[in-house]
């Protein structure tokens, strides 16, 4: 059986969801990732990852 591993971005999204808790919506996740990492992140990328 093949094992699936998370990529770096998927891990960042999941950790951000955990940090934001009840405030974890697509837009807030996107904003938090951009603020903390300094990387430009598209909302659609976060939405697809979720």
Protein backbone atom coordinates (compact mmCIF):
# COMPACT_ATOMS: atom_id res chain seq x y z
CA UNK A 1 0.00 0.00 0.00
CA UNK A 2 1.40 3.37 -1.03
CA UNK A 3 1.84 5.96 1.73
CA UNK A 4 0.86 9.56 1.15
CA UNK A 5 2.93 12.32 2.68
CA UNK A 6 2.03 15.95 3.26
CA UNK A 7 3.93 18.59 1.38
CA UNK A 8 5.30 21.72 3.01
CA UNK A 9 2.37 23.91 1.99
CA UNK A 10 -0.22 21.40 3.16
CA UNK A 11 1.50 21.25 6.53
CA UNK A 12 1.55 25.05 6.79
CA UNK A 13 -2.18 25.20 6.01
CA UNK A 14 -3.03 22.56 8.62
CA UNK A 15 -0.90 24.23 11.28
CA UNK A 16 -2.49 27.59 10.48
CA UNK A 17 -5.96 26.07 10.85
CA UNK A 18 -4.93 24.73 14.26
CA UNK A 19 -3.59 28.12 15.35
CA UNK A 20 -6.63 30.08 14.14
CA UNK A 21 -9.07 27.57 15.66
CA UNK A 22 -12.63 28.90 15.26
CA UNK A 23 -11.43 31.82 13.11
CA UNK A 24 -10.02 29.46 10.48
CA UNK A 25 -11.79 30.50 7.31
CA UNK A 26 -10.25 30.58 3.84
CA UNK A 27 -9.52 34.29 3.82
CA UNK A 28 -8.10 34.40 7.34
CA UNK A 29 -5.95 31.33 6.65
CA UNK A 30 -4.61 32.97 3.49
CA UNK A 31 -3.87 36.24 5.29
CA UNK A 32 -2.16 34.50 8.21
CA UNK A 33 0.07 32.42 5.93
CA UNK A 34 1.06 35.50 3.93
CA UNK A 35 1.77 37.48 7.10
CA UNK A 36 3.82 34.77 8.84
CA UNK A 37 5.77 33.43 5.86
CA UNK A 38 6.09 36.54 3.71
CA UNK A 39 5.01 34.47 0.70
CA UNK A 40 2.21 35.42 -1.66
CA UNK A 41 -0.57 32.84 -1.37
CA UNK A 42 -3.68 32.66 -3.52
CA UNK A 43 -7.04 32.03 -1.89
CA UNK A 44 -7.77 29.34 -4.48
CA UNK A 45 -4.57 27.52 -3.50
CA UNK A 46 -5.63 27.44 0.15
CA UNK A 47 -9.15 26.38 -0.84
CA UNK A 48 -7.84 23.50 -2.96
CA UNK A 49 -5.51 22.38 -0.18
CA UNK A 50 -8.34 22.31 2.33
